[in-house]
PDB file of N, CA and C in Angstrom:
ATOM      1  N   MET A   1      67.119 127.985 121.703  1.00  0.00           N
ATOM      2  CA  MET A   1      66.808 127.145 122.985  1.00  0.00           C
ATOM      3  C   MET A   1      67.575 127.872 124.241  1.00  0.00           C
ATOM      4  N   SER A   2      66.790 128.339 125.022  1.00  0.00           N
ATOM      5  CA  SER A   2      67.455 128.649 126.308  1.00  0.00           C
ATOM      6  C   SER A   2      68.290 128.142 127.139  1.00  0.00           C
ATOM      7  N   ASN A   3      68.126 126.878 127.000  1.00  0.00           N
ATOM      8  CA  ASN A   3      68.887 126.010 127.838  1.00  0.00           C
ATOM      9  C   ASN A   3      70.365 126.121 127.283  1.00  0.00           C
ATOM     10  N   TRP A   4      70.743 126.360 125.877  1.00  0.00           N
ATOM     11  CA  TRP A   4      71.829 126.299 125.499  1.00  0.00           C
ATOM     12  C   TRP A   4      72.718 127.491 125.999  1.00  0.00           C
ATOM     13  N   ARG A   5      72.253 128.505 126.882  1.00  0.00           N
ATOM     14  CA  ARG A   5      72.721 129.522 127.550  1.00  0.00           C
ATOM     15  C   ARG A   5      72.975 129.463 128.987  1.00  0.00           C
ATOM     16  N   ASN A   6      72.473 128.319 129.310  1.00  0.00           N
ATOM     17  CA  ASN A   6      72.318 128.232 130.956  1.00  0.00           C
ATOM     18  C   ASN A   6      73.538 127.242 131.309  1.00  0.00           C
ATOM     19  N   LYS A   7      74.535 127.479 131.839  1.00  0.00           N
ATOM     20  CA  LYS A   7      75.685 126.869 132.356  1.00  0.00           C
ATOM     21  C   LYS A   7      75.549 125.247 132.888  1.00  0.00           C
ATOM     22  N   ASP A   8      74.383 125.047 133.763  1.00  0.00           N
ATOM     23  CA  ASP A   8      74.042 123.879 134.233  1.00  0.00           C
ATOM     24  C   ASP A   8      73.571 122.946 133.198  1.00  0.00           C
ATOM     25  N   SER A   9      72.488 123.638 132.290  1.00  0.00           N
ATOM     26  CA  SER A   9      71.770 122.769 131.412  1.00  0.00           C
ATOM     27  C   SER A   9      73.048 122.494 130.133  1.00  0.00           C
ATOM     28  N   VAL A  10      73.991 123.139 129.980  1.00  0.00           N
ATOM     29  CA  VAL A  10      75.062 122.835 128.923  1.00  0.00           C
ATOM     30  C   VAL A  10      76.045 121.587 129.913  1.00  0.00           C
ATOM     31  N   LEU A  11      76.115 121.759 130.966  1.00  0.00           N
ATOM     32  CA  LEU A  11      77.078 120.722 131.620  1.00  0.00           C
ATOM     33  C   LEU A  11      76.257 119.538 131.615  1.00  0.00           C
ATOM     34  N   LYS A  12      75.179 119.563 131.937  1.00  0.00           N
ATOM     35  CA  LYS A  12      74.378 118.188 131.974  1.00  0.00           C
ATOM     36  C   LYS A  12      74.153 117.636 130.855  1.00  0.00           C
ATOM     37  N   ALA A  13      74.018 118.575 129.699  1.00  0.00           N
ATOM     38  CA  ALA A  13      74.329 117.741 127.980  1.00  0.00           C
ATOM     39  C   ALA A  13      75.501 117.249 127.456  1.00  0.00           C
ATOM     40  N   ILE A  14      76.499 117.932 128.043  1.00  0.00           N
ATOM     41  CA  ILE A  14      77.630 117.369 127.755  1.00  0.00           C
ATOM     42  C   ILE A  14      77.956 115.829 128.255  1.00  0.00           C
ATOM     43  N   TYR A  15      77.491 116.061 129.701  1.00  0.00           N
ATOM     44  CA  TYR A  15      77.275 114.677 130.227  1.00  0.00           C
ATOM     45  C   TYR A  15      76.714 113.471 129.438  1.00  0.00           C
ATOM     46  N   MET A  16      75.263 113.815 129.023  1.00  0.00           N
ATOM     47  CA  MET A  16      74.655 113.239 128.745  1.00  0.00           C
ATOM     48  C   MET A  16      74.671 112.544 127.119  1.00  0.00           C
ATOM     49  N   GLU A  17      75.501 113.499 126.178  1.00  0.00           N
ATOM     50  CA  GLU A  17      75.697 113.542 124.899  1.00  0.00           C
ATOM     51  C   GLU A  17      76.904 112.080 124.275  1.00  0.00           C
ATOM     52  N   ASP A  18      76.432 111.430 123.541  1.00  0.00           N
ATOM     53  CA  ASP A  18      77.566 110.522 123.105  1.00  0.00           C
ATOM     54  C   ASP A  18      78.462 111.133 122.063  1.00  0.00           C
ATOM     55  N   TYR A  19      78.081 112.333 121.553  1.00  0.00           N
ATOM     56  CA  TYR A  19      78.859 112.787 120.216  1.00  0.00           C
ATOM     57  C   TYR A  19      78.851 114.335 120.914  1.00  0.00           C
ATOM     58  N   ILE A  20      80.075 114.715 121.807  1.00  0.00           N
ATOM     59  CA  ILE A  20      80.187 115.968 122.272  1.00  0.00           C
ATOM     60  C   ILE A  20      80.145 117.270 121.240  1.00  0.00           C
ATOM     61  N   PRO A  21      80.426 117.335 120.267  1.00  0.00           N
ATOM     62  CA  PRO A  21      80.180 118.335 119.322  1.00  0.00           C
ATOM     63  C   PRO A  21      78.840 118.668 118.705  1.00  0.00           C
ATOM     64  N   ASP A  22      78.189 117.688 119.196  1.00  0.00           N
ATOM     65  CA  ASP A  22      76.596 118.002 119.094  1.00  0.00           C
ATOM     66  C   ASP A  22      76.073 119.137 119.957  1.00  0.00           C
ATOM     67  N   VAL A  23      76.669 119.119 121.368  1.00  0.00           N
ATOM     68  CA  VAL A  23      76.289 120.027 122.136  1.00  0.00           C
ATOM     69  C   VAL A  23      77.333 121.293 121.955  1.00  0.00           C
ATOM     70  N   MET A  24      78.483 121.113 121.840  1.00  0.00           N
ATOM     71  CA  MET A  24      79.399 122.274 121.591  1.00  0.00           C
ATOM     72  C   MET A  24      78.946 123.327 120.227  1.00  0.00           C
ATOM     73  N   GLU A  25      78.458 122.616 119.266  1.00  0.00           N
ATOM     74  CA  GLU A  25      78.060 123.552 118.007  1.00  0.00           C
ATOM     75  C   GLU A  25      76.493 124.256 118.666  1.00  0.00           C
ATOM     76  N   LYS A  26      75.955 124.024 119.447  1.00  0.00           N
ATOM     77  CA  LYS A  26      74.542 124.636 119.820  1.00  0.00           C
ATOM     78  C   LYS A  26      74.684 125.713 120.955  1.00  0.00           C
ATOM     79  N   ILE A  27      75.749 125.499 121.855  1.00  0.00           N
ATOM     80  CA  ILE A  27      75.647 126.430 122.912  1.00  0.00           C
ATOM     81  C   ILE A  27      75.952 127.814 122.808  1.00  0.00           C
ATOM     82  N   ASP A  28      75.484 128.561 123.713  1.00  0.00           N
ATOM     83  CA  ASP A  28      75.965 130.273 123.632  1.00  0.00           C
ATOM     84  C   ASP A  28      77.360 130.455 123.210  1.00  0.00           C
ATOM     85  N   PRO A  29      77.732 131.384 122.480  1.00  0.00           N
ATOM     86  CA  PRO A  29      79.306 131.491 122.486  1.00  0.00           C
ATOM     87  C   PRO A  29      79.896 131.854 123.829  1.00  0.00           C
ATOM     88  N   LEU A  30      79.368 132.592 124.366  1.00  0.00           N
ATOM     89  CA  LEU A  30      79.887 133.176 125.825  1.00  0.00           C
ATOM     90  C   LEU A  30      80.234 131.777 126.635  1.00  0.00           C
ATOM     91  N   LEU A  31      79.450 130.727 126.423  1.00  0.00           N
ATOM     92  CA  LEU A  31      80.024 129.512 127.461  1.00  0.00           C
ATOM     93  C   LEU A  31      81.041 129.014 126.721  1.00  0.00           C
ATOM     94  N   LEU A  32      81.514 129.097 125.663  1.00  0.00           N
ATOM     95  CA  LEU A  32      82.641 128.719 124.942  1.00  0.00           C
ATOM     96  C   LEU A  32      83.904 129.349 125.393  1.00  0.00           C
ATOM     97  N   ALA A  33      83.772 130.401 126.314  1.00  0.00           N
ATOM     98  CA  ALA A  33      85.018 130.679 127.013  1.00  0.00           C
ATOM     99  C   ALA A  33      84.675 130.872 128.538  1.00  0.00           C
ATOM    100  N   ASP A  34      83.988 129.959 128.873  1.00  0.00           N
ATOM    101  CA  ASP A  34      83.663 129.594 130.312  1.00  0.00           C
ATOM    102  C   ASP A  34      84.568 128.509 130.519  1.00  0.00           C
ATOM    103  N   ARG A  35      85.522 128.757 131.526  1.00  0.00           N
ATOM    104  CA  ARG A  35      86.531 127.718 131.891  1.00  0.00           C
ATOM    105  C   ARG A  35      85.993 126.174 132.505  1.00  0.00           C
ATOM    106  N   ASP A  36      85.084 126.456 133.232  1.00  0.00           N
ATOM    107  CA  ASP A  36      84.541 125.124 133.783  1.00  0.00           C
ATOM    108  C   ASP A  36      83.785 124.356 132.667  1.00  0.00           C
ATOM    109  N   VAL A  37      83.074 125.100 131.705  1.00  0.00           N
ATOM    110  CA  VAL A  37      82.198 124.388 130.678  1.00  0.00           C
ATOM    111  C   VAL A  37      83.448 123.758 129.588  1.00  0.00           C
ATOM    112  N   ILE A  38      84.416 124.474 129.208  1.00  0.00           N
ATOM    113  CA  ILE A  38      85.579 123.948 128.431  1.00  0.00           C
ATOM    114  C   ILE A  38      86.215 122.575 129.059  1.00  0.00           C
ATOM    115  N   GLN A  39      86.436 122.703 130.177  1.00  0.00           N
ATOM    116  CA  GLN A  39      87.489 122.054 130.921  1.00  0.00           C
ATOM    117  C   GLN A  39      86.641 120.826 131.159  1.00  0.00           C
ATOM    118  N   TYR A  40      85.183 120.590 131.563  1.00  0.00           N
ATOM    119  CA  TYR A  40      84.482 119.649 131.297  1.00  0.00           C
ATOM    120  C   TYR A  40      84.403 118.874 130.222  1.00  0.00           C
ATOM    121  N   ALA A  41      84.249 119.573 129.110  1.00  0.00           N
ATOM    122  CA  ALA A  41      84.130 119.193 127.807  1.00  0.00           C
ATOM    123  C   ALA A  41      85.450 118.059 127.380  1.00  0.00           C
ATOM    124  N   VAL A  42      86.566 118.961 127.678  1.00  0.00           N
ATOM    125  CA  VAL A  42      87.471 118.368 127.060  1.00  0.00           C
ATOM    126  C   VAL A  42      88.180 117.167 127.854  1.00  0.00           C
ATOM    127  N   CYS A  43      87.653 116.995 129.000  1.00  0.00           N
ATOM    128  CA  CYS A  43      87.796 115.771 129.839  1.00  0.00           C
ATOM    129  C   CYS A  43      87.165 114.639 129.202  1.00  0.00           C
ATOM    130  N   ILE A  44      85.911 114.980 128.692  1.00  0.00           N
ATOM    131  CA  ILE A  44      85.388 113.827 127.956  1.00  0.00           C
ATOM    132  C   ILE A  44      85.768 113.426 126.663  1.00  0.00           C
ATOM    133  N   ASP A  45      86.033 114.490 125.902  1.00  0.00           N
ATOM    134  CA  ASP A  45      86.439 114.484 124.352  1.00  0.00           C
ATOM    135  C   ASP A  45      87.179 115.487 124.341  1.00  0.00           C
ATOM    136  N   GLY A  46      88.650 115.339 124.341  1.00  0.00           N
ATOM    137  CA  GLY A  46      89.734 116.152 124.009  1.00  0.00           C
ATOM    138  C   GLY A  46      89.532 117.170 122.811  1.00  0.00           C
ATOM    139  N   CYS A  47      89.015 116.709 121.669  1.00  0.00           N
ATOM    140  CA  CYS A  47      88.756 117.419 120.520  1.00  0.00           C
ATOM    141  C   CYS A  47      87.665 118.448 120.719  1.00  0.00           C
ATOM    142  N   SER A  48      86.792 118.722 121.933  1.00  0.00           N
ATOM    143  CA  SER A  48      85.907 119.730 122.128  1.00  0.00           C
ATOM    144  C   SER A  48      86.778 120.903 122.153  1.00  0.00           C
ATOM    145  N   LEU A  49      88.226 120.931 122.511  1.00  0.00           N
ATOM    146  CA  LEU A  49      89.046 122.310 122.820  1.00  0.00           C
ATOM    147  C   LEU A  49      88.746 122.932 121.060  1.00  0.00           C
ATOM    148  N   GLU A  50      88.511 122.406 120.344  1.00  0.00           N
ATOM    149  CA  GLU A  50      88.193 123.045 119.032  1.00  0.00           C
ATOM    150  C   GLU A  50      87.244 124.206 119.161  1.00  0.00           C
ATOM    151  N   TYR A  51      86.334 124.131 120.000  1.00  0.00           N
ATOM    152  CA  TYR A  51      85.164 125.066 120.340  1.00  0.00           C
ATOM    153  C   TYR A  51      85.434 125.955 121.321  1.00  0.00           C
ATOM    154  N   ALA A  52      86.889 125.668 121.988  1.00  0.00           N
ATOM    155  CA  ALA A  52      87.087 126.824 122.834  1.00  0.00           C
ATOM    156  C   ALA A  52      87.510 128.109 122.583  1.00  0.00           C
ATOM    157  N   SER A  53      87.193 129.126 123.171  1.00  0.00           N
ATOM    158  CA  SER A  53      87.846 130.406 122.963  1.00  0.00           C
ATOM    159  C   SER A  53      89.355 130.533 122.825  1.00  0.00           C
ATOM    160  N   ASP A  54      89.888 131.519 122.106  1.00  0.00           N
ATOM    161  CA  ASP A  54      91.027 131.303 121.611  1.00  0.00           C
ATOM    162  C   ASP A  54      91.891 131.631 123.079  1.00  0.00           C
ATOM    163  N   GLU A  55      91.276 132.324 124.188  1.00  0.00           N
ATOM    164  CA  GLU A  55      92.003 132.496 125.587  1.00  0.00           C
ATOM    165  C   GLU A  55      92.128 130.886 126.135  1.00  0.00           C
ATOM    166  N   LEU A  56      91.185 130.445 125.924  1.00  0.00           N
ATOM    167  CA  LEU A  56      91.426 128.958 126.476  1.00  0.00           C
ATOM    168  C   LEU A  56      92.082 127.842 125.863  1.00  0.00           C
ATOM    169  N   LYS A  57      92.092 128.052 124.446  1.00  0.00           N
ATOM    170  CA  LYS A  57      93.169 127.271 123.547  1.00  0.00           C
ATOM    171  C   LYS A  57      94.303 127.923 124.043  1.00  0.00           C
ATOM    172  N   ASN A  58      94.872 128.671 124.484  1.00  0.00           N
ATOM    173  CA  ASN A  58      96.236 129.242 125.287  1.00  0.00           C
ATOM    174  C   ASN A  58      96.371 128.915 126.611  1.00  0.00           C
ATOM    175  N   ASP A  59      95.364 128.075 127.106  1.00  0.00           N
ATOM    176  CA  ASP A  59      95.351 127.892 128.777  1.00  0.00           C
ATOM    177  C   ASP A  59      95.942 126.338 128.791  1.00  0.00           C
ATOM    178  N   LYS A  60      97.380 126.682 129.293  1.00  0.00           N
ATOM    179  CA  LYS A  60      98.110 125.384 129.418  1.00  0.00           C
ATOM    180  C   LYS A  60      97.295 124.065 130.367  1.00  0.00           C
ATOM    181  N   GLU A  61      96.718 124.389 131.150  1.00  0.00           N
ATOM    182  CA  GLU A  61      95.779 123.610 131.773  1.00  0.00           C
ATOM    183  C   GLU A  61      94.829 122.840 131.187  1.00  0.00           C
ATOM    184  N   ILE A  62      93.931 123.794 130.662  1.00  0.00           N
ATOM    185  CA  ILE A  62      92.860 123.217 129.647  1.00  0.00           C
ATOM    186  C   ILE A  62      93.495 122.190 128.272  1.00  0.00           C
ATOM    187  N   VAL A  63      94.464 122.786 127.809  1.00  0.00           N
ATOM    188  CA  VAL A  63      95.039 122.164 126.786  1.00  0.00           C
ATOM    189  C   VAL A  63      95.837 120.731 127.190  1.00  0.00           C
ATOM    190  N   MET A  64      96.334 120.911 128.228  1.00  0.00           N
ATOM    191  CA  MET A  64      97.116 119.504 128.905  1.00  0.00           C
ATOM    192  C   MET A  64      95.781 118.531 129.169  1.00  0.00           C
ATOM    193  N   LEU A  65      94.518 118.905 129.647  1.00  0.00           N
ATOM    194  CA  LEU A  65      93.782 117.948 129.880  1.00  0.00           C
ATOM    195  C   LEU A  65      93.041 117.362 128.700  1.00  0.00           C
ATOM    196  N   ALA A  66      93.033 118.140 127.566  1.00  0.00           N
ATOM    197  CA  ALA A  66      92.474 117.870 126.139  1.00  0.00           C
ATOM    198  C   ALA A  66      93.449 116.927 125.606  1.00  0.00           C
ATOM    199  N   VAL A  67      95.013 117.171 125.504  1.00  0.00           N
ATOM    200  CA  VAL A  67      95.643 116.314 124.787  1.00  0.00           C
ATOM    201  C   VAL A  67      96.000 114.735 125.823  1.00  0.00           C
ATOM    202  N   GLN A  68      95.703 115.070 127.149  1.00  0.00           N
ATOM    203  CA  GLN A  68      95.704 113.820 127.763  1.00  0.00           C
ATOM    204  C   GLN A  68      94.819 112.866 127.442  1.00  0.00           C
ATOM    205  N   GLN A  69      93.448 113.517 127.107  1.00  0.00           N
ATOM    206  CA  GLN A  69      92.167 112.643 126.957  1.00  0.00           C
ATOM    207  C   GLN A  69      92.435 112.387 125.297  1.00  0.00           C
ATOM    208  N   ASP A  70      92.722 113.308 124.359  1.00  0.00           N
ATOM    209  CA  ASP A  70      92.823 112.634 122.874  1.00  0.00           C
ATOM    210  C   ASP A  70      94.114 113.788 122.583  1.00  0.00           C
ATOM    211  N   GLY A  71      95.162 113.153 122.243  1.00  0.00           N
ATOM    212  CA  GLY A  71      96.554 113.515 121.626  1.00  0.00           C
ATOM    213  C   GLY A  71      96.273 114.613 120.551  1.00  0.00           C
ATOM    214  N   SER A  72      95.285 114.088 119.606  1.00  0.00           N
ATOM    215  CA  SER A  72      94.991 114.752 118.409  1.00  0.00           C
ATOM    216  C   SER A  72      94.491 116.145 118.578  1.00  0.00           C
ATOM    217  N   ALA A  73      94.041 116.470 119.634  1.00  0.00           N
ATOM    218  CA  ALA A  73      93.594 117.718 120.350  1.00  0.00           C
ATOM    219  C   ALA A  73      94.437 118.887 120.230  1.00  0.00           C
ATOM    220  N   LEU A  74      96.018 118.527 120.100  1.00  0.00           N
ATOM    221  CA  LEU A  74      96.911 119.392 119.838  1.00  0.00           C
ATOM    222  C   LEU A  74      96.450 120.192 118.699  1.00  0.00           C
ATOM    223  N   CYS A  75      96.009 119.823 117.759  1.00  0.00           N
ATOM    224  CA  CYS A  75      95.696 120.559 116.533  1.00  0.00           C
ATOM    225  C   CYS A  75      94.780 121.972 116.703  1.00  0.00           C
ATOM    226  N   TYR A  76      94.256 122.008 117.902  1.00  0.00           N
ATOM    227  CA  TYR A  76      93.271 123.112 118.222  1.00  0.00           C
ATOM    228  C   TYR A  76      93.972 124.043 119.303  1.00  0.00           C
ATOM    229  N   ALA A  77      94.943 123.718 119.766  1.00  0.00           N
ATOM    230  CA  ALA A  77      95.693 124.518 120.708  1.00  0.00           C
ATOM    231  C   ALA A  77      96.385 125.826 120.117  1.00  0.00           C
ATOM    232  N   SER A  78      96.812 126.821 120.957  1.00  0.00           N
ATOM    233  CA  SER A  78      97.265 128.015 120.423  1.00  0.00           C
ATOM    234  C   SER A  78      98.880 127.479 119.904  1.00  0.00           C
ATOM    235  N   ASP A  79      98.964 128.410 119.073  1.00  0.00           N
ATOM    236  CA  ASP A  79     100.517 128.236 118.520  1.00  0.00           C
ATOM    237  C   ASP A  79     101.439 128.164 119.631  1.00  0.00           C
ATOM    238  N   ASN A  80     101.295 128.827 120.792  1.00  0.00           N
ATOM    239  CA  ASN A  80     102.084 129.203 121.866  1.00  0.00           C
ATOM    240  C   ASN A  80     102.290 127.836 122.652  1.00  0.00           C
ATOM    241  N   LEU A  81     101.084 126.949 122.718  1.00  0.00           N
ATOM    242  CA  LEU A  81     101.132 125.681 123.212  1.00  0.00           C
ATOM    243  C   LEU A  81     101.656 124.728 122.379  1.00  0.00           C
ATOM    244  N   LYS A  82     101.826 124.817 121.133  1.00  0.00           N
ATOM    245  CA  LYS A  82     101.996 124.032 120.036  1.00  0.00           C
ATOM    246  C   LYS A  82     103.721 123.756 120.150  1.00  0.00           C
ATOM    247  N   ASN A  83     104.021 124.905 120.875  1.00  0.00           N
ATOM    248  CA  ASN A  83     105.724 125.167 121.166  1.00  0.00           C
ATOM    249  C   ASN A  83     105.964 125.012 122.535  1.00  0.00           C
ATOM    250  N   ASP A  84     105.143 124.181 123.257  1.00  0.00           N
ATOM    251  CA  ASP A  84     105.427 123.969 124.922  1.00  0.00           C
ATOM    252  C   ASP A  84     105.862 122.498 124.710  1.00  0.00           C
ATOM    253  N   LYS A  85     106.882 122.027 125.122  1.00  0.00           N
ATOM    254  CA  LYS A  85     107.473 120.691 125.118  1.00  0.00           C
ATOM    255  C   LYS A  85     106.660 119.778 125.959  1.00  0.00           C
ATOM    256  N   GLU A  86     106.373 120.362 127.164  1.00  0.00           N
ATOM    257  CA  GLU A  86     105.469 119.469 128.194  1.00  0.00           C
ATOM    258  C   GLU A  86     104.040 119.201 127.406  1.00  0.00           C
ATOM    259  N   VAL A  87     103.302 120.014 126.775  1.00  0.00           N
ATOM    260  CA  VAL A  87     102.275 119.631 126.004  1.00  0.00           C
ATOM    261  C   VAL A  87     102.115 119.016 124.834  1.00  0.00           C
ATOM    262  N   CYS A  88     103.311 119.056 124.153  1.00  0.00           N
ATOM    263  CA  CYS A  88     103.692 118.195 122.991  1.00  0.00           C
ATOM    264  C   CYS A  88     103.909 116.796 123.592  1.00  0.00           C
ATOM    265  N   LEU A  89     104.779 116.667 124.450  1.00  0.00           N
ATOM    266  CA  LEU A  89     105.193 115.250 125.080  1.00  0.00           C
ATOM    267  C   LEU A  89     103.879 114.454 125.235  1.00  0.00           C
ATOM    268  N   ALA A  90     102.724 115.263 126.271  1.00  0.00           N
ATOM    269  CA  ALA A  90     101.568 114.692 126.678  1.00  0.00           C
ATOM    270  C   ALA A  90     100.941 114.148 125.349  1.00  0.00           C
ATOM    271  N   ALA A  91     100.731 114.942 124.221  1.00  0.00           N
ATOM    272  CA  ALA A  91     100.038 114.760 123.164  1.00  0.00           C
ATOM    273  C   ALA A  91     100.768 113.478 122.365  1.00  0.00           C
ATOM    274  N   ILE A  92     102.129 113.402 122.111  1.00  0.00           N
ATOM    275  CA  ILE A  92     102.561 112.365 121.704  1.00  0.00           C
ATOM    276  C   ILE A  92     102.437 111.131 122.530  1.00  0.00           C
ATOM    277  N   GLY A  93     102.528 111.298 123.780  1.00  0.00           N
ATOM    278  CA  GLY A  93     102.291 109.989 124.624  1.00  0.00           C
ATOM    279  C   GLY A  93     101.066 109.488 124.588  1.00  0.00           C
ATOM    280  N   ASN A  94      99.945 110.189 124.034  1.00  0.00           N
ATOM    281  CA  ASN A  94      98.566 109.758 123.878  1.00  0.00           C
ATOM    282  C   ASN A  94      98.204 109.142 122.617  1.00  0.00           C
ATOM    283  N   SER A  95      98.859 109.945 121.538  1.00  0.00           N
ATOM    284  CA  SER A  95      98.614 109.513 120.027  1.00  0.00           C
ATOM    285  C   SER A  95      99.647 109.285 119.418  1.00  0.00           C
ATOM    286  N   GLY A  96     101.078 109.015 119.767  1.00  0.00           N
ATOM    287  CA  GLY A  96     102.407 108.869 119.034  1.00  0.00           C
ATOM    288  C   GLY A  96     102.326 109.615 117.984  1.00  0.00           C
ATOM    289  N   GLU A  97     103.309 109.325 117.052  1.00  0.00           N
ATOM    290  CA  GLU A  97     103.658 110.172 115.904  1.00  0.00           C
ATOM    291  C   GLU A  97     102.507 110.964 115.193  1.00  0.00           C
ATOM    292  N   ASP A  98     101.205 110.469 115.276  1.00  0.00           N
ATOM    293  CA  ASP A  98     100.267 111.249 114.516  1.00  0.00           C
ATOM    294  C   ASP A  98     100.011 112.732 114.857  1.00  0.00           C
ATOM    295  N   VAL A  99     100.468 112.950 115.882  1.00  0.00           N
ATOM    296  CA  VAL A  99     100.432 114.452 116.190  1.00  0.00           C
ATOM    297  C   VAL A  99     101.490 115.346 115.979  1.00  0.00           C
ATOM    298  N   LEU A 100     102.884 114.841 115.322  1.00  0.00           N
ATOM    299  CA  LEU A 100     104.055 115.655 114.949  1.00  0.00           C
ATOM    300  C   LEU A 100     103.714 116.678 113.896  1.00  0.00           C
ATOM    301  N   ASP A 101     102.649 116.501 113.226  1.00  0.00           N
ATOM    302  CA  ASP A 101     102.488 117.476 112.293  1.00  0.00           C
ATOM    303  C   ASP A 101     102.033 118.602 112.702  1.00  0.00           C
ATOM    304  N   ASP A 102     101.513 118.608 113.893  1.00  0.00           N
ATOM    305  CA  ASP A 102     100.969 119.890 114.864  1.00  0.00           C
ATOM    306  C   ASP A 102     101.853 120.517 115.489  1.00  0.00           C
ATOM    307  N   ILE A 103     102.809 119.960 116.061  1.00  0.00           N
ATOM    308  CA  ILE A 103     103.948 120.646 116.877  1.00  0.00           C
ATOM    309  C   ILE A 103     104.790 121.667 115.955  1.00  0.00           C
ATOM    310  N   SER A 104     105.247 122.863 116.869  1.00  0.00           N
ATOM    311  CA  SER A 104     105.918 123.723 116.279  1.00  0.00           C
ATOM    312  C   SER A 104     107.226 123.250 115.561  1.00  0.00           C
ATOM    313  N   ASP A 105     107.889 124.011 114.425  1.00  0.00           N
ATOM    314  CA  ASP A 105     108.908 123.569 113.829  1.00  0.00           C
ATOM    315  C   ASP A 105     110.175 123.491 114.877  1.00  0.00           C
ATOM    316  N   SER A 106     109.954 124.282 115.709  1.00  0.00           N
ATOM    317  CA  SER A 106     111.312 124.382 116.661  1.00  0.00           C
ATOM    318  C   SER A 106     111.310 123.191 117.533  1.00  0.00           C
ATOM    319  N   LEU A 107     110.433 122.757 117.937  1.00  0.00           N
ATOM    320  CA  LEU A 107     110.231 121.631 118.714  1.00  0.00           C
ATOM    321  C   LEU A 107     110.477 120.286 118.054  1.00  0.00           C
ATOM    322  N   LYS A 108     110.421 120.216 116.489  1.00  0.00           N
ATOM    323  CA  LYS A 108     110.420 119.240 115.794  1.00  0.00           C
ATOM    324  C   LYS A 108     112.067 118.798 115.619  1.00  0.00           C
ATOM    325  N   LYS A 109     112.852 119.726 116.252  1.00  0.00           N
ATOM    326  CA  LYS A 109     114.177 119.574 116.032  1.00  0.00           C
ATOM    327  C   LYS A 109     114.747 118.823 117.357  1.00  0.00           C
ATOM    328  N   ASP A 110     113.793 118.950 118.449  1.00  0.00           N
ATOM    329  CA  ASP A 110     114.109 118.151 119.905  1.00  0.00           C
ATOM    330  C   ASP A 110     114.161 116.927 119.783  1.00  0.00           C
ATOM    331  N   LYS A 111     115.425 116.371 120.031  1.00  0.00           N
ATOM    332  CA  LYS A 111     115.409 114.784 119.998  1.00  0.00           C
ATOM    333  C   LYS A 111     114.664 114.208 121.049  1.00  0.00           C
ATOM    334  N   GLU A 112     114.114 114.771 122.073  1.00  0.00           N
ATOM    335  CA  GLU A 112     113.281 114.130 123.080  1.00  0.00           C
ATOM    336  C   GLU A 112     111.934 114.041 122.502  1.00  0.00           C
ATOM    337  N   ILE A 113     111.525 115.185 121.783  1.00  0.00           N
ATOM    338  CA  ILE A 113     110.093 114.961 121.015  1.00  0.00           C
ATOM    339  C   ILE A 113     110.289 114.090 119.742  1.00  0.00           C
ATOM    340  N   ILE A 114     111.365 114.204 119.187  1.00  0.00           N
ATOM    341  CA  ILE A 114     111.306 113.042 117.883  1.00  0.00           C
ATOM    342  C   ILE A 114     111.798 111.580 118.327  1.00  0.00           C
TER     343      ILE A 114
END
């Protein structure tokens, strides 16, 4: 469907959909690297980060939005950001100890994190 290649149509579909993965699985892969599309999606469903390009999974602003919406989205972040104290604290603040398995080993030794 050509609408899954059109940024405006995809943004509208994300807005209208109750279950965001239904949209994310259908859109053109190029749009999974589009900052606006991913930013919008993670603000509605943090776990939409799963579908983002590797570059956006390593974008601190995008990942912060995702974990602030749903801390469990940390599992989809880059290893680099799983080692970022600010990102991990935001994820823990949102989802509690459920996200500890996704935090880097070095941060698991940090008393503020634990």
